[in-house]
Amino acid sequence: MPARPAKSPQRKPTGTSAKKPAKKAAEKNAVRAIIARVTQPKKLPESVELLDGRIVPLRVVVNPRAKRIGLRLDAARREAVAVAPTQRLAPKAAAFAIDRAGWIAMQLNKLPRTVHLTPGAVIPLRGAAHHLVMVPGRVAPHIIPARGEEPARIVAGAPDAEAFAARVRRFLVAEAKTDLLARVTAHAKVLGVSWKTLTVKDTTSRWGSCTEHGALSFSWRVVLAPPHILDYLAAHETAHLRELNHSRRYWAQVRKVFPAYDVAEEWLRKHGAALHAIAPRG
């Protein structure tokens, strides 16, 4: 019987061949890291420094409807807004804004003075000047009408200025909602429409809005304006319940409840920025 051939001893992998998988993995990770650095969007500048040393916040917005890079000033927030048609052009839009620091300074200088809800400040309420007065204790915010040489006042109890501002703001929101509910109800009855909700918010980009589901929303600052301006804004949004556009049919609906709408629009163009300058959002 022939003898079986002896088994050849198995070779153990050398150190070099054992390290190959680990080396390949390291190379792949390095390539991924390089690709990530190249493709990762660069962080855009968040402010513009003016010649006088002022720092103005910068917001870059991508708007596909824009035909070119643009720049505007958000008067309510006191910030520069650079507009880019695409995300790829966002860095160029930011650079465009920084290059035009002089224009930004000119526009800022045209804006009305910022007014905060602090004790001693004077703000309009329904178009009339009211002094803000802080008193000790838990005194609910209330209005004291003008009498003789005494100016009209909004009085509220608070432990400090921060709490005072919060209480006054809530009071103004409630006052705005009361007035808006009354006027929207009246206009809706004339136009034969109904609405589902009415909210009052701290918006700075628009005075009001209306959704296709009947949800109305307004800025609380409408109560700072004269009553006929608040009435117009209520009519403006209520008419959208009939026509959710700004067509001729829509303006015909507005005219039914507020014929002098063009006068109100002109008032807002002249004085709207001053109202937005009151208690601006941080």
C-alpha atoms as a PDB file:
ATOM      1  CA  MET A   1       0.000   0.000   0.000  1.00  0.00           C
ATOM      2  CA  PRO A   2       1.552   3.222  -1.120  1.00  0.00           C
ATOM      3  CA  ALA A   3       2.286   5.755   1.554  1.00  0.00           C
ATOM      4  CA  ARG A   4       0.199   8.946   1.656  1.00  0.00           C
ATOM      5  CA  PRO A   5       1.999  12.068   0.607  1.00  0.00           C
ATOM      6  CA  ALA A   6       2.895  14.239   3.512  1.00  0.00           C
ATOM      7  CA  LYS A   7       0.791  17.400   3.949  1.00  0.00           C
ATOM      8  CA  SER A   8       2.639  20.524   3.070  1.00  0.00           C
ATOM      9  CA  PRO A   9       2.739  22.885   6.021  1.00  0.00           C
ATOM     10  CA  GLN A  10       0.286  25.852   5.727  1.00  0.00           C
ATOM     11  CA  ARG A  11       1.928  29.198   5.407  1.00  0.00           C
ATOM     12  CA  LYS A  12       0.948  31.766   7.954  1.00  0.00           C
ATOM     13  CA  PRO A  13       0.135  35.178   6.517  1.00  0.00           C
ATOM     14  CA  THR A  14       3.031  37.490   6.754  1.00  0.00           C
ATOM     15  CA  GLY A  15       2.755  40.812   8.528  1.00  0.00           C
ATOM     16  CA  THR A  16       2.657  42.733   5.239  1.00  0.00           C
ATOM     17  CA  SER A  17      -0.320  40.860   3.753  1.00  0.00           C
ATOM     18  CA  ALA A  18      -2.252  41.079   7.040  1.00  0.00           C
ATOM     19  CA  LYS A  19      -1.996  44.860   7.011  1.00  0.00           C
ATOM     20  CA  LYS A  20      -3.369  45.279   3.470  1.00  0.00           C
ATOM     21  CA  PRO A  21      -7.123  45.414   4.405  1.00  0.00           C
ATOM     22  CA  ALA A  22      -6.437  47.941   7.143  1.00  0.00           C
ATOM     23  CA  LYS A  23      -4.352  50.050   4.760  1.00  0.00           C
ATOM     24  CA  LYS A  24      -7.103  50.049   2.133  1.00  0.00           C
ATOM     25  CA  ALA A  25      -9.695  51.083   4.726  1.00  0.00           C
ATOM     26  CA  ALA A  26      -7.480  53.950   5.858  1.00  0.00           C
ATOM     27  CA  GLU A  27      -7.043  55.093   2.259  1.00  0.00           C
ATOM     28  CA  LYS A  28     -10.817  55.047   1.692  1.00  0.00           C
ATOM     29  CA  ASN A  29     -11.423  57.066   4.841  1.00  0.00           C
ATOM     30  CA  ALA A  30      -8.834  59.614   3.759  1.00  0.00           C
ATOM     31  CA  VAL A  31     -10.518  59.970   0.344  1.00  0.00           C
ATOM     32  CA  ARG A  32     -13.927  60.408   2.002  1.00  0.00           C
ATOM     33  CA  ALA A  33     -12.509  63.105   4.265  1.00  0.00           C
ATOM     34  CA  ILE A  34     -11.064  65.003   1.283  1.00  0.00           C
ATOM     35  CA  ILE A  35     -14.371  64.784  -0.608  1.00  0.00           C
ATOM     36  CA  ALA A  36     -16.265  65.995   2.458  1.00  0.00           C
ATOM     37  CA  ARG A  37     -13.969  69.023   2.803  1.00  0.00           C
ATOM     38  CA  VAL A  38     -14.370  69.889  -0.865  1.00  0.00           C
ATOM     39  CA  THR A  39     -18.153  69.422  -1.068  1.00  0.00           C
ATOM     40  CA  GLN A  40     -19.077  70.845   2.343  1.00  0.00           C
ATOM     41  CA  PRO A  41     -20.576  74.337   1.902  1.00  0.00           C
ATOM     42  CA  LYS A  42     -18.465  77.112   3.310  1.00  0.00           C
ATOM     43  CA  LYS A  43     -19.866  78.980   6.270  1.00  0.00           C
ATOM     44  CA  LEU A  44     -21.231  82.301   5.097  1.00  0.00           C
ATOM     45  CA  PRO A  45     -20.499  85.564   6.937  1.00  0.00           C
ATOM     46  CA  GLU A  46     -23.220  86.517   9.413  1.00  0.00           C
ATOM     47  CA  SER A  47     -22.547  90.240   9.691  1.00  0.00           C
ATOM     48  CA  VAL A  48     -21.317  93.323   7.838  1.00  0.00           C
ATOM     49  CA  GLU A  49     -19.013  95.844   9.489  1.00  0.00           C
ATOM     50  CA  LEU A  50     -19.781  99.442   8.528  1.00  0.00           C
ATOM     51  CA  LEU A  51     -17.213 102.215   8.214  1.00  0.00           C
ATOM     52  CA  ASP A  52     -18.299 103.732  11.534  1.00  0.00           C
ATOM     53  CA  GLY A  53     -17.699 100.425  13.326  1.00  0.00           C
ATOM     54  CA  ARG A  54     -21.320  99.314  13.556  1.00  0.00           C
ATOM     55  CA  ILE A  55     -21.937  95.600  13.066  1.00  0.00           C
ATOM     56  CA  VAL A  56     -25.060  94.798  11.066  1.00  0.00           C
ATOM     57  CA  PRO A  57     -26.440  91.233  10.989  1.00  0.00           C
ATOM     58  CA  LEU A  58     -26.365  89.627   7.539  1.00  0.00           C
ATOM     59  CA  ARG A  59     -28.838  87.002   6.346  1.00  0.00           C
ATOM     60  CA  VAL A  60     -28.332  85.201   3.030  1.00  0.00           C
ATOM     61  CA  VAL A  61     -31.535  83.977   1.396  1.00  0.00           C
ATOM     62  CA  VAL A  62     -31.743  81.624  -1.600  1.00  0.00           C
ATOM     63  CA  ASN A  63     -34.747  82.487  -3.759  1.00  0.00           C
ATOM     64  CA  PRO A  64     -35.093  80.512  -7.014  1.00  0.00           C
ATOM     65  CA  ARG A  65     -37.446  83.195  -8.347  1.00  0.00           C
ATOM     66  CA  ALA A  66     -34.728  85.844  -8.142  1.00  0.00           C
ATOM     67  CA  LYS A  67     -33.105  86.578 -11.495  1.00  0.00           C
ATOM     68  CA  ARG A  68     -29.913  87.998 -10.044  1.00  0.00           C
ATOM     69  CA  ILE A  69     -28.066  88.628  -6.803  1.00  0.00           C
ATOM     70  CA  GLY A  70     -29.714  91.360  -4.776  1.00  0.00           C
ATOM     71  CA  LEU A  71     -29.514  93.219  -1.489  1.00  0.00           C
ATOM     72  CA  ARG A  72     -32.167  94.759   0.741  1.00  0.00           C
ATOM     73  CA  LEU A  73     -32.506  95.943   4.308  1.00  0.00           C
ATOM     74  CA  ASP A  74     -34.988  94.352   6.708  1.00  0.00           C
ATOM     75  CA  ALA A  75     -36.160  97.517   8.469  1.00  0.00           C
ATOM     76  CA  ALA A  76     -37.936  95.664  11.261  1.00  0.00           C
ATOM     77  CA  ARG A  77     -34.947  93.517  12.235  1.00  0.00           C
ATOM     78  CA  ARG A  78     -32.265  96.049  11.288  1.00  0.00           C
ATOM     79  CA  GLU A  79     -30.425  93.432   9.242  1.00  0.00           C
ATOM     80  CA  ALA A  80     -29.042  93.218   5.719  1.00  0.00           C
ATOM     81  CA  VAL A  81     -30.562  90.520   3.511  1.00  0.00           C
ATOM     82  CA  ALA A  82     -28.551  89.234   0.541  1.00  0.00           C
ATOM     83  CA  VAL A  83     -30.593  87.318  -2.031  1.00  0.00           C
ATOM     84  CA  ALA A  84     -29.103  84.620  -4.285  1.00  0.00           C
ATOM     85  CA  PRO A  85     -30.924  82.763  -7.095  1.00  0.00           C
ATOM     86  CA  THR A  86     -29.115  79.504  -6.218  1.00  0.00           C
ATOM     87  CA  GLN A  87     -27.202  78.007  -3.309  1.00  0.00           C
ATOM     88  CA  ARG A  88     -24.044  78.058  -5.425  1.00  0.00           C
ATOM     89  CA  LEU A  89     -24.254  81.847  -5.667  1.00  0.00           C
ATOM     90  CA  ALA A  90     -24.859  82.341  -1.931  1.00  0.00           C
ATOM     91  CA  PRO A  91     -21.174  83.160  -1.181  1.00  0.00           C
ATOM     92  CA  LYS A  92     -21.176  85.758  -3.971  1.00  0.00           C
ATOM     93  CA  ALA A  93     -24.359  87.277  -2.572  1.00  0.00           C
ATOM     94  CA  ALA A  94     -22.730  87.589   0.857  1.00  0.00           C
ATOM     95  CA  ALA A  95     -19.652  89.218  -0.703  1.00  0.00           C
ATOM     96  CA  PHE A  96     -21.947  91.567  -2.641  1.00  0.00           C
ATOM     97  CA  ALA A  97     -23.511  92.717   0.637  1.00  0.00           C
ATOM     98  CA  ILE A  98     -20.144  93.263   2.333  1.00  0.00           C
ATOM     99  CA  ASP A  99     -18.913  95.332  -0.627  1.00  0.00           C
ATOM    100  CA  ARG A 100     -21.953  97.589  -0.254  1.00  0.00           C
ATOM    101  CA  ALA A 101     -21.545  98.441   3.412  1.00  0.00           C
ATOM    102  CA  GLY A 102     -21.885 102.125   2.529  1.00  0.00           C
ATOM    103  CA  TRP A 103     -25.330 101.592   1.005  1.00  0.00           C
ATOM    104  CA  ILE A 104     -26.405  99.581   4.069  1.00  0.00           C
ATOM    105  CA  ALA A 105     -25.289 102.429   6.359  1.00  0.00           C
ATOM    106  CA  MET A 106     -27.295 104.967   4.317  1.00  0.00           C
ATOM    107  CA  GLN A 107     -30.449 102.856   4.538  1.00  0.00           C
ATOM    108  CA  LEU A 108     -30.028 102.305   8.278  1.00  0.00           C
ATOM    109  CA  ASN A 109     -29.673 106.027   8.863  1.00  0.00           C
ATOM    110  CA  LYS A 110     -33.054 106.589   7.195  1.00  0.00           C
ATOM    111  CA  LEU A 111     -34.869 104.270   9.599  1.00  0.00           C
ATOM    112  CA  PRO A 112     -36.825 105.556  12.586  1.00  0.00           C
ATOM    113  CA  ARG A 113     -35.367 105.264  16.064  1.00  0.00           C
ATOM    114  CA  THR A 114     -35.820 101.935  17.820  1.00  0.00           C
ATOM    115  CA  VAL A 115     -38.195 102.049  20.797  1.00  0.00           C
ATOM    116  CA  HIS A 116     -38.199  99.316  23.421  1.00  0.00           C
ATOM    117  CA  LEU A 117     -41.003  98.580  25.873  1.00  0.00           C
ATOM    118  CA  THR A 118     -39.127 100.022  28.833  1.00  0.00           C
ATOM    119  CA  PRO A 119     -40.404 102.202  31.687  1.00  0.00           C
ATOM    120  CA  GLY A 120     -40.469 105.826  30.571  1.00  0.00           C
ATOM    121  CA  ALA A 121     -40.746 105.037  26.853  1.00  0.00           C
ATOM    122  CA  VAL A 122     -43.522 106.582  24.781  1.00  0.00           C
ATOM    123  CA  ILE A 123     -45.362 104.417  22.240  1.00  0.00           C
ATOM    124  CA  PRO A 124     -48.506 104.910  20.169  1.00  0.00           C
ATOM    125  CA  LEU A 125     -51.617 102.935  21.039  1.00  0.00           C
ATOM    126  CA  ARG A 126     -54.506 103.241  18.593  1.00  0.00           C
ATOM    127  CA  GLY A 127     -52.621 106.184  17.128  1.00  0.00           C
ATOM    128  CA  ALA A 128     -52.257 108.174  20.363  1.00  0.00           C
ATOM    129  CA  ALA A 129     -49.049 108.553  22.397  1.00  0.00           C
ATOM    130  CA  HIS A 130     -48.944 106.605  25.669  1.00  0.00           C
ATOM    131  CA  HIS A 131     -46.233 106.735  28.329  1.00  0.00           C
ATOM    132  CA  LEU A 132     -45.121 103.404  29.804  1.00  0.00           C
ATOM    133  CA  VAL A 133     -45.117 103.402  33.610  1.00  0.00           C
ATOM    134  CA  MET A 134     -43.825 100.609  35.848  1.00  0.00           C
ATOM    135  CA  VAL A 135     -45.165 100.330  39.402  1.00  0.00           C
ATOM    136  CA  PRO A 136     -44.312  97.854  42.173  1.00  0.00           C
ATOM    137  CA  GLY A 137     -46.485  94.860  42.911  1.00  0.00           C
ATOM    138  CA  ARG A 138     -48.668  92.673  40.733  1.00  0.00           C
ATOM    139  CA  VAL A 139     -50.692  95.441  39.115  1.00  0.00           C
ATOM    140  CA  ALA A 140     -52.296  94.208  35.880  1.00  0.00           C
ATOM    141  CA  PRO A 141     -51.463  96.296  32.814  1.00  0.00           C
ATOM    142  CA  HIS A 142     -54.113  98.940  32.185  1.00  0.00           C
ATOM    143  CA  ILE A 143     -54.632 102.244  30.406  1.00  0.00           C
ATOM    144  CA  ILE A 144     -55.028 105.580  32.160  1.00  0.00           C
ATOM    145  CA  PRO A 145     -56.482 108.071  29.643  1.00  0.00           C
ATOM    146  CA  ALA A 146     -54.983 111.547  29.227  1.00  0.00           C
ATOM    147  CA  ARG A 147     -56.448 114.124  31.579  1.00  0.00           C
ATOM    148  CA  GLY A 148     -55.548 117.781  31.505  1.00  0.00           C
ATOM    149  CA  GLU A 149     -51.780 118.046  31.265  1.00  0.00           C
ATOM    150  CA  GLU A 150     -51.336 114.405  32.262  1.00  0.00           C
ATOM    151  CA  PRO A 151     -50.496 112.228  29.235  1.00  0.00           C
ATOM    152  CA  ALA A 152     -52.140 108.900  28.537  1.00  0.00           C
ATOM    153  CA  ARG A 153     -50.334 106.051  30.265  1.00  0.00           C
ATOM    154  CA  ILE A 154     -50.004 102.279  30.160  1.00  0.00           C
ATOM    155  CA  VAL A 155     -49.337 101.173  33.736  1.00  0.00           C
ATOM    156  CA  ALA A 156     -48.126  97.721  34.754  1.00  0.00           C
ATOM    157  CA  GLY A 157     -46.631  96.205  37.879  1.00  0.00           C
ATOM    158  CA  ALA A 158     -43.376  94.279  37.503  1.00  0.00           C
ATOM    159  CA  PRO A 159     -40.245  93.443  39.544  1.00  0.00           C
ATOM    160  CA  ASP A 160     -37.869  94.608  36.805  1.00  0.00           C
ATOM    161  CA  ALA A 161     -37.687  96.123  33.326  1.00  0.00           C
ATOM    162  CA  GLU A 162     -37.527  92.751  31.555  1.00  0.00           C
ATOM    163  CA  ALA A 163     -40.681  91.468  33.220  1.00  0.00           C
ATOM    164  CA  PHE A 164     -42.334  94.838  32.585  1.00  0.00           C
ATOM    165  CA  ALA A 165     -41.634  94.627  28.842  1.00  0.00           C
ATOM    166  CA  ALA A 166     -43.042  91.090  28.673  1.00  0.00           C
ATOM    167  CA  ARG A 167     -46.224  92.098  30.497  1.00  0.00           C
ATOM    168  CA  VAL A 168     -46.767  95.176  28.340  1.00  0.00           C
ATOM    169  CA  ARG A 169     -46.240  93.147  25.166  1.00  0.00           C
ATOM    170  CA  ARG A 170     -48.815  90.551  26.275  1.00  0.00           C
ATOM    171  CA  PHE A 171     -51.222  93.379  27.085  1.00  0.00           C
ATOM    172  CA  LEU A 172     -50.794  94.891  23.609  1.00  0.00           C
ATOM    173  CA  VAL A 173     -51.316  91.482  21.979  1.00  0.00           C
ATOM    174  CA  ALA A 174     -54.589  91.088  23.889  1.00  0.00           C
ATOM    175  CA  GLU A 175     -55.717  94.608  22.940  1.00  0.00           C
ATOM    176  CA  ALA A 176     -54.920  93.925  19.286  1.00  0.00           C
ATOM    177  CA  LYS A 177     -56.892  90.684  19.321  1.00  0.00           C
ATOM    178  CA  THR A 178     -59.937  92.357  20.880  1.00  0.00           C
ATOM    179  CA  ASP A 179     -60.011  95.069  18.208  1.00  0.00           C
ATOM    180  CA  LEU A 180     -59.317  92.656  15.351  1.00  0.00           C
ATOM    181  CA  LEU A 181     -62.021  90.194  16.395  1.00  0.00           C
ATOM    182  CA  ALA A 182     -64.598  92.979  16.333  1.00  0.00           C
ATOM    183  CA  ARG A 183     -63.608  94.307  12.905  1.00  0.00           C
ATOM    184  CA  VAL A 184     -63.069  90.912  11.222  1.00  0.00           C
ATOM    185  CA  THR A 185     -66.485  89.772  12.467  1.00  0.00           C
ATOM    186  CA  ALA A 186     -68.108  92.891  11.027  1.00  0.00           C
ATOM    187  CA  HIS A 187     -66.369  92.602   7.645  1.00  0.00           C
ATOM    188  CA  ALA A 188     -67.011  88.860   7.363  1.00  0.00           C
ATOM    189  CA  LYS A 189     -70.731  89.476   7.866  1.00  0.00           C
ATOM    190  CA  VAL A 190     -70.824  92.013   5.000  1.00  0.00           C
ATOM    191  CA  LEU A 191     -68.804  89.785   2.635  1.00  0.00           C
ATOM    192  CA  GLY A 192     -70.681  86.628   3.577  1.00  0.00           C
ATOM    193  CA  VAL A 193     -67.566  84.683   4.552  1.00  0.00           C
ATOM    194  CA  SER A 194     -66.475  82.772   7.635  1.00  0.00           C
ATOM    195  CA  TRP A 195     -63.109  82.268   9.275  1.00  0.00           C
ATOM    196  CA  LYS A 196     -61.817  79.532  11.550  1.00  0.00           C
ATOM    197  CA  THR A 197     -59.040  81.026  13.673  1.00  0.00           C
ATOM    198  CA  LEU A 198     -57.580  84.445  14.381  1.00  0.00           C
ATOM    199  CA  THR A 199     -54.127  84.688  15.920  1.00  0.00           C
ATOM    200  CA  VAL A 200     -51.956  87.653  16.833  1.00  0.00           C
ATOM    201  CA  LYS A 201     -48.207  87.127  16.486  1.00  0.00           C
ATOM    202  CA  ASP A 202     -44.895  88.965  16.720  1.00  0.00           C
ATOM    203  CA  THR A 203     -44.367  89.143  12.964  1.00  0.00           C
ATOM    204  CA  THR A 204     -42.240  91.767  11.258  1.00  0.00           C
ATOM    205  CA  SER A 205     -42.386  90.742   7.608  1.00  0.00           C
ATOM    206  CA  ARG A 206     -46.098  91.387   7.060  1.00  0.00           C
ATOM    207  CA  TRP A 207     -49.097  92.953   8.774  1.00  0.00           C
ATOM    208  CA  GLY A 208     -51.356  89.966   8.302  1.00  0.00           C
ATOM    209  CA  SER A 209     -52.019  86.769   6.395  1.00  0.00           C
ATOM    210  CA  CYS A 210     -54.848  84.449   5.425  1.00  0.00           C
ATOM    211  CA  THR A 211     -54.710  80.771   4.540  1.00  0.00           C
ATOM    212  CA  GLU A 212     -56.978  78.767   2.256  1.00  0.00           C
ATOM    213  CA  HIS A 213     -58.313  77.044   5.381  1.00  0.00           C
ATOM    214  CA  GLY A 214     -59.634  80.297   6.854  1.00  0.00           C
ATOM    215  CA  ALA A 215     -56.855  80.936   9.373  1.00  0.00           C
ATOM    216  CA  LEU A 216     -56.213  84.656   9.864  1.00  0.00           C
ATOM    217  CA  SER A 217     -53.023  85.970  11.441  1.00  0.00           C
ATOM    218  CA  PHE A 218     -51.972  89.534  12.303  1.00  0.00           C
ATOM    219  CA  SER A 219     -49.012  91.385  13.760  1.00  0.00           C
ATOM    220  CA  TRP A 220     -49.732  92.736  17.231  1.00  0.00           C
ATOM    221  CA  ARG A 221     -48.331  96.092  16.103  1.00  0.00           C
ATOM    222  CA  VAL A 222     -51.530  96.823  14.171  1.00  0.00           C
ATOM    223  CA  VAL A 223     -53.003  98.075  17.470  1.00  0.00           C
ATOM    224  CA  LEU A 224     -50.347 100.787  17.596  1.00  0.00           C
ATOM    225  CA  ALA A 225     -51.786 102.370  14.442  1.00  0.00           C
ATOM    226  CA  PRO A 226     -54.894 104.573  14.334  1.00  0.00           C
ATOM    227  CA  PRO A 227     -58.140 102.547  14.477  1.00  0.00           C
ATOM    228  CA  HIS A 228     -58.970 103.091  10.801  1.00  0.00           C
ATOM    229  CA  ILE A 229     -55.638 101.485   9.820  1.00  0.00           C
ATOM    230  CA  LEU A 230     -56.350  98.414  11.942  1.00  0.00           C
ATOM    231  CA  ASP A 231     -59.814  98.368  10.384  1.00  0.00           C
ATOM    232  CA  TYR A 232     -58.296  98.375   6.897  1.00  0.00           C
ATOM    233  CA  LEU A 233     -55.884  95.549   7.718  1.00  0.00           C
ATOM    234  CA  ALA A 234     -58.769  93.513   9.104  1.00  0.00           C
ATOM    235  CA  ALA A 235     -60.710  94.185   5.892  1.00  0.00           C
ATOM    236  CA  HIS A 236     -57.671  93.313   3.770  1.00  0.00           C
ATOM    237  CA  GLU A 237     -57.297  89.833   5.251  1.00  0.00           C
ATOM    238  CA  THR A 238     -61.033  89.162   5.517  1.00  0.00           C
ATOM    239  CA  ALA A 239     -61.393  89.857   1.792  1.00  0.00           C
ATOM    240  CA  HIS A 240     -58.856  87.097   1.158  1.00  0.00           C
ATOM    241  CA  LEU A 241     -61.435  84.647   2.481  1.00  0.00           C
ATOM    242  CA  ARG A 242     -63.325  85.404  -0.722  1.00  0.00           C
ATOM    243  CA  GLU A 243     -60.366  85.907  -3.086  1.00  0.00           C
ATOM    244  CA  LEU A 244     -57.004  84.440  -2.062  1.00  0.00           C
ATOM    245  CA  ASN A 245     -55.086  86.732  -4.418  1.00  0.00           C
ATOM    246  CA  HIS A 246     -54.662  90.422  -5.254  1.00  0.00           C
ATOM    247  CA  SER A 247     -56.694  90.475  -8.441  1.00  0.00           C
ATOM    248  CA  ARG A 248     -59.270  93.089  -9.424  1.00  0.00           C
ATOM    249  CA  ARG A 249     -61.960  90.834  -7.985  1.00  0.00           C
ATOM    250  CA  TYR A 250     -60.107  90.841  -4.671  1.00  0.00           C
ATOM    251  CA  TRP A 251     -59.831  94.655  -4.473  1.00  0.00           C
ATOM    252  CA  ALA A 252     -63.532  94.885  -5.324  1.00  0.00           C
ATOM    253  CA  GLN A 253     -64.204  92.851  -2.159  1.00  0.00           C
ATOM    254  CA  VAL A 254     -61.985  95.163  -0.108  1.00  0.00           C
ATOM    255  CA  ARG A 255     -63.798  98.201  -1.504  1.00  0.00           C
ATOM    256  CA  LYS A 256     -67.128  96.821  -0.261  1.00  0.00           C
ATOM    257  CA  VAL A 257     -66.002  97.024   3.364  1.00  0.00           C
ATOM    258  CA  PHE A 258     -63.269  99.678   3.229  1.00  0.00           C
ATOM    259  CA  PRO A 259     -63.636 102.035   0.240  1.00  0.00           C
ATOM    260  CA  ALA A 260     -60.680 104.288   1.142  1.00  0.00           C
ATOM    261  CA  TYR A 261     -58.153 101.449   1.136  1.00  0.00           C
ATOM    262  CA  ASP A 262     -55.667 103.430  -0.970  1.00  0.00           C
ATOM    263  CA  VAL A 263     -55.452 106.089   1.771  1.00  0.00           C
ATOM    264  CA  ALA A 264     -54.707 103.401   4.370  1.00  0.00           C
ATOM    265  CA  GLU A 265     -52.069 101.839   2.128  1.00  0.00           C
ATOM    266  CA  GLU A 266     -50.353 105.212   1.768  1.00  0.00           C
ATOM    267  CA  TRP A 267     -50.380 105.681   5.569  1.00  0.00           C
ATOM    268  CA  LEU A 268     -48.690 102.310   6.045  1.00  0.00           C
ATOM    269  CA  ARG A 269     -46.031 103.148   3.461  1.00  0.00           C
ATOM    270  CA  LYS A 270     -45.199 106.341   5.345  1.00  0.00           C
ATOM    271  CA  HIS A 271     -45.485 105.177   8.951  1.00  0.00           C
ATOM    272  CA  GLY A 272     -45.227 101.391   8.918  1.00  0.00           C
ATOM    273  CA  ALA A 273     -41.475 101.341   9.540  1.00  0.00           C
ATOM    274  CA  ALA A 274     -41.936 103.446  12.686  1.00  0.00           C
ATOM    275  CA  LEU A 275     -44.372 100.882  14.093  1.00  0.00           C
ATOM    276  CA  HIS A 276     -42.006  98.010  13.296  1.00  0.00           C
ATOM    277  CA  ALA A 277     -39.266  99.908  15.144  1.00  0.00           C
ATOM    278  CA  ILE A 278     -41.234  99.467  18.387  1.00  0.00           C
ATOM    279  CA  ALA A 279     -40.118  96.473  20.454  1.00  0.00           C
ATOM    280  CA  PRO A 280     -38.167  94.881  17.607  1.00  0.00           C
ATOM    281  CA  ARG A 281     -37.401  91.199  17.912  1.00  0.00           C
ATOM    282  CA  GLY A 282     -33.871  90.375  18.970  1.00  0.00           C
END
